[in-house]
Amino acid sequence: MKLYLAHPYLIKSKIRKWQLKIEKQYNVKFINPFIDGGKKIMAIEDKFKTTKLSYNDSKYLVDYDINCIMNTDATLAIVDGSTSYGTIMEICYAHNMGQPVYIICTNGYDNHSWLVLHSTKIFKTFKEAKIWLKSL
């Protein structure tokens, strides 16, 4: 199964380590927009911390993410309480296009109306998600 991996920018290193471990253990391939987008995506992502992004940079980034979502079987999103507008938008976009959306929600808001309505399943821990990933 190929999964789009939506997650906050601030935990991208932690998520990358987890992703590689899961891909080795299970029959899962992640599309990680922070890694798989190449140097241009990484440069745009790094820029937003200090500079207002141009329309063209923003469009390039969002179009890239949408294309990745459309070319995967499902979206797995990490919601940990970090401010991550992109992750929330990716959840809504994937859901609205009819794609299954799985969420690992570690901040205690796993029963939030918007998350419940836009997800196929919500896991409260990475351990719960790992059990599901093993079954794929």
N, C-alpha and C. Protein backbone atom coordinates (compact mmCIF):
# COMPACT_ATOMS: atom_id res chain seq x y z
N MET A 1 0.84 -1.18 0.00
CA MET A 1 0.00 0.00 0.00
C MET A 1 0.88 1.24 0.00
N LYS A 2 0.50 2.22 -0.78
CA LYS A 2 1.24 3.49 -0.84
C LYS A 2 0.43 4.55 -0.10
N LEU A 3 1.06 5.16 0.91
CA LEU A 3 0.39 6.15 1.76
C LEU A 3 1.06 7.51 1.66
N TYR A 4 0.25 8.55 1.54
CA TYR A 4 0.76 9.91 1.65
C TYR A 4 0.92 10.19 3.13
N LEU A 5 2.07 10.69 3.54
CA LEU A 5 2.38 10.91 4.95
C LEU A 5 2.35 12.41 5.27
N ALA A 6 1.21 12.86 5.76
CA ALA A 6 1.03 14.27 6.14
C ALA A 6 1.46 14.43 7.60
N HIS A 7 2.30 15.43 7.86
CA HIS A 7 2.76 15.64 9.23
C HIS A 7 3.35 17.03 9.39
N PRO A 8 3.43 17.50 10.63
CA PRO A 8 3.97 18.83 10.88
C PRO A 8 5.45 18.95 10.51
N TYR A 9 5.79 20.11 10.02
CA TYR A 9 7.17 20.41 9.63
C TYR A 9 8.13 20.24 10.80
N LEU A 10 7.71 20.66 11.98
CA LEU A 10 8.61 20.67 13.14
C LEU A 10 9.03 19.27 13.61
N ILE A 11 8.30 18.24 13.22
CA ILE A 11 8.67 16.89 13.64
C ILE A 11 9.11 16.02 12.46
N LYS A 12 9.51 16.67 11.38
CA LYS A 12 9.83 15.91 10.17
C LYS A 12 10.98 14.93 10.36
N SER A 13 11.97 15.24 11.18
CA SER A 13 13.10 14.31 11.41
C SER A 13 12.63 13.08 12.18
N LYS A 14 11.83 13.30 13.20
CA LYS A 14 11.29 12.20 14.00
C LYS A 14 10.41 11.29 13.13
N ILE A 15 9.57 11.88 12.32
CA ILE A 15 8.66 11.12 11.47
C ILE A 15 9.44 10.36 10.40
N ARG A 16 10.49 10.95 9.88
CA ARG A 16 11.31 10.28 8.88
C ARG A 16 11.91 8.99 9.45
N LYS A 17 12.43 9.04 10.67
CA LYS A 17 13.00 7.85 11.30
C LYS A 17 11.92 6.77 11.46
N TRP A 18 10.74 7.19 11.92
CA TRP A 18 9.63 6.25 12.10
C TRP A 18 9.22 5.65 10.75
N GLN A 19 9.12 6.49 9.74
CA GLN A 19 8.74 6.06 8.39
C GLN A 19 9.68 4.98 7.87
N LEU A 20 10.98 5.21 7.96
CA LEU A 20 11.96 4.24 7.45
C LEU A 20 11.86 2.91 8.18
N LYS A 21 11.62 2.97 9.48
CA LYS A 21 11.48 1.75 10.28
C LYS A 21 10.24 0.97 9.84
N ILE A 22 9.13 1.66 9.65
CA ILE A 22 7.88 1.01 9.23
C ILE A 22 8.03 0.42 7.83
N GLU A 23 8.63 1.15 6.92
CA GLU A 23 8.80 0.65 5.55
C GLU A 23 9.66 -0.62 5.50
N LYS A 24 10.63 -0.72 6.39
CA LYS A 24 11.47 -1.92 6.45
C LYS A 24 10.69 -3.12 6.98
N GLN A 25 9.80 -2.87 7.93
CA GLN A 25 9.10 -3.95 8.62
C GLN A 25 7.84 -4.44 7.89
N TYR A 26 7.17 -3.52 7.19
CA TYR A 26 5.85 -3.85 6.66
C TYR A 26 5.73 -3.56 5.17
N ASN A 27 4.66 -4.03 4.58
CA ASN A 27 4.40 -3.87 3.15
C ASN A 27 3.77 -2.50 2.88
N VAL A 28 4.49 -1.44 3.24
CA VAL A 28 3.98 -0.08 3.12
C VAL A 28 5.05 0.80 2.48
N LYS A 29 4.62 1.67 1.59
CA LYS A 29 5.51 2.67 1.00
C LYS A 29 4.88 4.03 1.28
N PHE A 30 5.65 4.92 1.90
CA PHE A 30 5.17 6.26 2.19
C PHE A 30 5.66 7.24 1.15
N ILE A 31 4.82 8.18 0.81
CA ILE A 31 5.24 9.37 0.07
C ILE A 31 5.30 10.47 1.11
N ASN A 32 6.50 10.91 1.42
CA ASN A 32 6.73 11.93 2.42
C ASN A 32 7.06 13.22 1.69
N PRO A 33 6.15 14.20 1.71
CA PRO A 33 6.37 15.41 0.91
C PRO A 33 7.63 16.19 1.27
N PHE A 34 8.06 16.10 2.51
CA PHE A 34 9.27 16.82 2.91
C PHE A 34 10.52 16.18 2.34
N ILE A 35 10.48 14.89 2.09
CA ILE A 35 11.65 14.16 1.61
C ILE A 35 11.57 13.91 0.11
N ASP A 36 10.44 13.41 -0.34
CA ASP A 36 10.30 12.98 -1.73
C ASP A 36 10.14 14.13 -2.72
N GLY A 37 9.90 15.31 -2.23
CA GLY A 37 9.71 16.47 -3.11
C GLY A 37 10.99 17.03 -3.69
N GLY A 38 12.11 16.58 -3.19
CA GLY A 38 13.37 17.05 -3.72
C GLY A 38 13.79 18.40 -3.16
N LYS A 39 14.85 18.91 -3.74
CA LYS A 39 15.47 20.14 -3.23
C LYS A 39 14.55 21.36 -3.34
N LYS A 40 13.77 21.45 -4.40
CA LYS A 40 12.91 22.64 -4.57
C LYS A 40 11.85 22.70 -3.47
N ILE A 41 11.21 21.58 -3.19
CA ILE A 41 10.19 21.54 -2.13
C ILE A 41 10.84 21.85 -0.79
N MET A 42 11.98 21.24 -0.53
CA MET A 42 12.67 21.49 0.75
C MET A 42 13.05 22.95 0.89
N ALA A 43 13.49 23.57 -0.18
CA ALA A 43 13.86 24.98 -0.13
C ALA A 43 12.65 25.86 0.15
N ILE A 44 11.53 25.54 -0.47
CA ILE A 44 10.31 26.31 -0.23
C ILE A 44 9.86 26.13 1.23
N GLU A 45 9.86 24.90 1.71
CA GLU A 45 9.46 24.63 3.09
C GLU A 45 10.36 25.36 4.08
N ASP A 46 11.65 25.36 3.84
CA ASP A 46 12.58 26.04 4.74
C ASP A 46 12.38 27.55 4.70
N LYS A 47 11.97 28.06 3.55
CA LYS A 47 11.80 29.49 3.37
C LYS A 47 10.63 30.05 4.18
N PHE A 48 9.55 29.26 4.33
CA PHE A 48 8.35 29.80 4.95
C PHE A 48 8.56 30.21 6.41
N LYS A 49 9.60 29.71 7.06
CA LYS A 49 9.87 30.07 8.45
C LYS A 49 10.31 31.52 8.59
N THR A 50 10.96 32.04 7.57
CA THR A 50 11.54 33.38 7.68
C THR A 50 11.04 34.37 6.65
N THR A 51 10.41 33.90 5.61
CA THR A 51 10.03 34.75 4.48
C THR A 51 8.60 34.46 4.06
N LYS A 52 7.90 35.50 3.66
CA LYS A 52 6.56 35.29 3.10
C LYS A 52 6.75 34.62 1.73
N LEU A 53 6.07 33.49 1.55
CA LEU A 53 6.20 32.77 0.29
C LEU A 53 5.47 33.50 -0.82
N SER A 54 6.04 33.42 -2.00
CA SER A 54 5.39 34.00 -3.17
C SER A 54 4.21 33.11 -3.56
N TYR A 55 3.33 33.66 -4.36
CA TYR A 55 2.21 32.88 -4.88
C TYR A 55 2.74 31.67 -5.65
N ASN A 56 3.75 31.88 -6.48
CA ASN A 56 4.29 30.78 -7.30
C ASN A 56 4.88 29.66 -6.45
N ASP A 57 5.63 30.03 -5.39
CA ASP A 57 6.18 29.01 -4.50
C ASP A 57 5.06 28.25 -3.80
N SER A 58 4.07 28.99 -3.31
CA SER A 58 2.94 28.36 -2.62
C SER A 58 2.19 27.42 -3.56
N LYS A 59 1.94 27.87 -4.77
CA LYS A 59 1.21 27.05 -5.75
C LYS A 59 2.02 25.79 -6.09
N TYR A 60 3.30 25.94 -6.29
CA TYR A 60 4.16 24.80 -6.61
C TYR A 60 4.08 23.75 -5.49
N LEU A 61 4.19 24.21 -4.25
CA LEU A 61 4.17 23.32 -3.10
C LEU A 61 2.82 22.61 -2.97
N VAL A 62 1.74 23.38 -3.02
CA VAL A 62 0.40 22.79 -2.86
C VAL A 62 0.08 21.86 -4.02
N ASP A 63 0.41 22.26 -5.25
CA ASP A 63 0.18 21.38 -6.40
C ASP A 63 0.96 20.07 -6.26
N TYR A 64 2.18 20.17 -5.76
CA TYR A 64 2.99 18.97 -5.55
C TYR A 64 2.30 18.04 -4.54
N ASP A 65 1.89 18.60 -3.41
CA ASP A 65 1.23 17.80 -2.38
C ASP A 65 -0.05 17.15 -2.91
N ILE A 66 -0.87 17.93 -3.62
CA ILE A 66 -2.12 17.40 -4.18
C ILE A 66 -1.83 16.26 -5.15
N ASN A 67 -0.85 16.43 -6.00
CA ASN A 67 -0.48 15.38 -6.94
C ASN A 67 -0.06 14.10 -6.20
N CYS A 68 0.70 14.26 -5.14
CA CYS A 68 1.12 13.10 -4.35
C CYS A 68 -0.08 12.42 -3.70
N ILE A 69 -0.97 13.20 -3.12
CA ILE A 69 -2.17 12.63 -2.49
C ILE A 69 -2.97 11.84 -3.53
N MET A 70 -3.14 12.42 -4.71
CA MET A 70 -3.94 11.77 -5.75
C MET A 70 -3.30 10.47 -6.25
N ASN A 71 -2.00 10.32 -6.05
CA ASN A 71 -1.30 9.13 -6.55
C ASN A 71 -0.92 8.15 -5.44
N THR A 72 -1.67 8.19 -4.36
CA THR A 72 -1.49 7.22 -3.29
C THR A 72 -2.83 6.54 -3.00
N ASP A 73 -2.75 5.46 -2.24
CA ASP A 73 -3.96 4.70 -1.90
C ASP A 73 -4.74 5.32 -0.75
N ALA A 74 -4.03 6.01 0.13
CA ALA A 74 -4.66 6.59 1.32
C ALA A 74 -3.70 7.63 1.90
N THR A 75 -4.23 8.43 2.81
CA THR A 75 -3.41 9.41 3.52
C THR A 75 -3.32 9.01 4.98
N LEU A 76 -2.10 9.07 5.53
CA LEU A 76 -1.87 8.89 6.95
C LEU A 76 -1.35 10.22 7.47
N ALA A 77 -2.09 10.82 8.40
CA ALA A 77 -1.72 12.14 8.90
C ALA A 77 -1.38 12.07 10.39
N ILE A 78 -0.37 12.83 10.77
CA ILE A 78 0.03 12.92 12.17
C ILE A 78 -0.48 14.25 12.71
N VAL A 79 -1.29 14.19 13.75
CA VAL A 79 -1.80 15.38 14.43
C VAL A 79 -1.29 15.29 15.87
N ASP A 80 -0.35 16.17 16.21
CA ASP A 80 0.28 16.09 17.53
C ASP A 80 0.11 17.36 18.36
N GLY A 81 -0.64 18.32 17.85
CA GLY A 81 -0.82 19.57 18.57
C GLY A 81 0.06 20.68 18.03
N SER A 82 1.03 20.35 17.19
CA SER A 82 1.85 21.38 16.55
C SER A 82 0.98 22.18 15.59
N THR A 83 1.30 23.42 15.42
CA THR A 83 0.61 24.20 14.41
C THR A 83 1.05 23.69 13.05
N SER A 84 0.10 23.10 12.33
CA SER A 84 0.42 22.54 11.02
C SER A 84 -0.79 22.68 10.11
N TYR A 85 -0.90 23.84 9.53
CA TYR A 85 -2.04 24.11 8.64
C TYR A 85 -2.03 23.17 7.44
N GLY A 86 -0.84 22.87 6.94
CA GLY A 86 -0.73 21.98 5.79
C GLY A 86 -1.31 20.61 6.07
N THR A 87 -0.99 20.04 7.23
CA THR A 87 -1.49 18.72 7.58
C THR A 87 -3.02 18.70 7.61
N ILE A 88 -3.60 19.70 8.23
CA ILE A 88 -5.07 19.77 8.32
C ILE A 88 -5.68 19.92 6.93
N MET A 89 -5.07 20.76 6.09
CA MET A 89 -5.57 20.94 4.72
C MET A 89 -5.46 19.63 3.93
N GLU A 90 -4.36 18.91 4.11
CA GLU A 90 -4.16 17.64 3.41
C GLU A 90 -5.21 16.61 3.83
N ILE A 91 -5.55 16.59 5.11
CA ILE A 91 -6.60 15.70 5.60
C ILE A 91 -7.91 16.02 4.89
N CYS A 92 -8.29 17.29 4.88
CA CYS A 92 -9.56 17.69 4.24
C CYS A 92 -9.54 17.42 2.75
N TYR A 93 -8.45 17.72 2.09
CA TYR A 93 -8.37 17.51 0.64
C TYR A 93 -8.50 16.02 0.30
N ALA A 94 -7.75 15.18 0.99
CA ALA A 94 -7.81 13.74 0.72
C ALA A 94 -9.22 13.20 0.96
N HIS A 95 -9.81 13.62 2.07
CA HIS A 95 -11.17 13.16 2.38
C HIS A 95 -12.16 13.62 1.31
N ASN A 96 -12.08 14.87 0.92
CA ASN A 96 -13.03 15.43 -0.05
C ASN A 96 -12.89 14.79 -1.43
N MET A 97 -11.72 14.23 -1.73
CA MET A 97 -11.58 13.53 -3.01
C MET A 97 -11.92 12.05 -2.89
N GLY A 98 -12.41 11.65 -1.71
CA GLY A 98 -12.87 10.29 -1.52
C GLY A 98 -11.81 9.29 -1.10
N GLN A 99 -10.66 9.79 -0.72
CA GLN A 99 -9.56 8.90 -0.33
C GLN A 99 -9.69 8.54 1.16
N PRO A 100 -9.36 7.30 1.53
CA PRO A 100 -9.32 6.96 2.95
C PRO A 100 -8.28 7.82 3.67
N VAL A 101 -8.63 8.29 4.86
CA VAL A 101 -7.72 9.12 5.66
C VAL A 101 -7.60 8.49 7.04
N TYR A 102 -6.37 8.18 7.41
CA TYR A 102 -6.06 7.61 8.72
C TYR A 102 -5.26 8.65 9.47
N ILE A 103 -5.59 8.84 10.74
CA ILE A 103 -4.94 9.87 11.54
C ILE A 103 -4.34 9.26 12.80
N ILE A 104 -3.09 9.63 13.07
CA ILE A 104 -2.49 9.33 14.36
C ILE A 104 -2.59 10.64 15.14
N CYS A 105 -3.49 10.68 16.12
CA CYS A 105 -3.75 11.90 16.88
C CYS A 105 -3.26 11.69 18.31
N THR A 106 -2.13 12.31 18.63
CA THR A 106 -1.49 12.07 19.92
C THR A 106 -1.71 13.19 20.93
N ASN A 107 -2.52 14.18 20.57
CA ASN A 107 -2.69 15.33 21.46
C ASN A 107 -3.97 15.31 22.28
N GLY A 108 -4.70 14.19 22.24
CA GLY A 108 -5.92 14.09 23.03
C GLY A 108 -7.18 14.60 22.35
N TYR A 109 -7.04 15.11 21.13
CA TYR A 109 -8.21 15.63 20.41
C TYR A 109 -8.72 14.64 19.36
N ASP A 110 -8.54 13.37 19.63
CA ASP A 110 -8.96 12.34 18.67
C ASP A 110 -10.48 12.28 18.49
N ASN A 111 -11.23 12.93 19.35
CA ASN A 111 -12.68 12.95 19.23
C ASN A 111 -13.18 14.29 18.68
N HIS A 112 -12.28 15.11 18.15
CA HIS A 112 -12.68 16.41 17.59
C HIS A 112 -13.56 16.19 16.37
N SER A 113 -14.64 16.93 16.30
CA SER A 113 -15.64 16.75 15.23
C SER A 113 -15.03 16.77 13.83
N TRP A 114 -14.13 17.72 13.56
CA TRP A 114 -13.54 17.83 12.22
C TRP A 114 -12.68 16.63 11.89
N LEU A 115 -11.94 16.14 12.86
CA LEU A 115 -11.10 14.96 12.62
C LEU A 115 -11.96 13.72 12.43
N VAL A 116 -12.97 13.56 13.27
CA VAL A 116 -13.86 12.40 13.16
C VAL A 116 -14.54 12.38 11.80
N LEU A 117 -15.04 13.54 11.38
CA LEU A 117 -15.77 13.61 10.11
C LEU A 117 -14.90 13.41 8.89
N HIS A 118 -13.62 13.74 8.98
CA HIS A 118 -12.74 13.69 7.82
C HIS A 118 -11.78 12.49 7.83
N SER A 119 -12.03 11.54 8.72
CA SER A 119 -11.11 10.40 8.79
C SER A 119 -11.86 9.08 8.63
N THR A 120 -11.12 8.12 8.15
CA THR A 120 -11.60 6.75 8.07
C THR A 120 -11.41 6.06 9.42
N LYS A 121 -10.28 6.35 10.04
CA LYS A 121 -9.95 5.79 11.35
C LYS A 121 -8.94 6.72 12.03
N ILE A 122 -9.10 6.84 13.35
CA ILE A 122 -8.17 7.64 14.15
C ILE A 122 -7.48 6.73 15.16
N PHE A 123 -6.16 6.81 15.20
CA PHE A 123 -5.37 6.08 16.18
C PHE A 123 -4.88 7.08 17.23
N LYS A 124 -4.89 6.67 18.49
CA LYS A 124 -4.44 7.57 19.56
C LYS A 124 -2.93 7.51 19.77
N THR A 125 -2.31 6.46 19.26
CA THR A 125 -0.87 6.29 19.46
C THR A 125 -0.22 5.74 18.19
N PHE A 126 1.07 5.90 18.11
CA PHE A 126 1.83 5.31 17.00
C PHE A 126 1.78 3.78 17.10
N LYS A 127 1.71 3.27 18.31
CA LYS A 127 1.64 1.82 18.51
C LYS A 127 0.36 1.25 17.89
N GLU A 128 -0.77 1.93 18.11
CA GLU A 128 -2.04 1.50 17.50
C GLU A 128 -1.93 1.51 15.98
N ALA A 129 -1.35 2.57 15.45
CA ALA A 129 -1.20 2.70 13.99
C ALA A 129 -0.28 1.60 13.46
N LYS A 130 0.73 1.27 14.20
CA LYS A 130 1.68 0.23 13.78
C LYS A 130 0.97 -1.12 13.64
N ILE A 131 0.06 -1.42 14.54
CA ILE A 131 -0.71 -2.67 14.46
C ILE A 131 -1.53 -2.69 13.17
N TRP A 132 -2.14 -1.56 12.85
CA TRP A 132 -2.92 -1.46 11.60
C TRP A 132 -2.00 -1.60 10.37
N LEU A 133 -0.87 -0.90 10.41
CA LEU A 133 0.07 -0.97 9.28
C LEU A 133 0.57 -2.39 9.06
N LYS A 134 0.76 -3.11 10.13
CA LYS A 134 1.22 -4.50 10.03
C LYS A 134 0.19 -5.37 9.30
N SER A 135 -1.08 -5.01 9.43
CA SER A 135 -2.14 -5.82 8.82
C SER A 135 -2.33 -5.56 7.33
N LEU A 136 -1.68 -4.55 6.80
CA LEU A 136 -1.87 -4.20 5.38
C LEU A 136 -1.18 -5.18 4.46
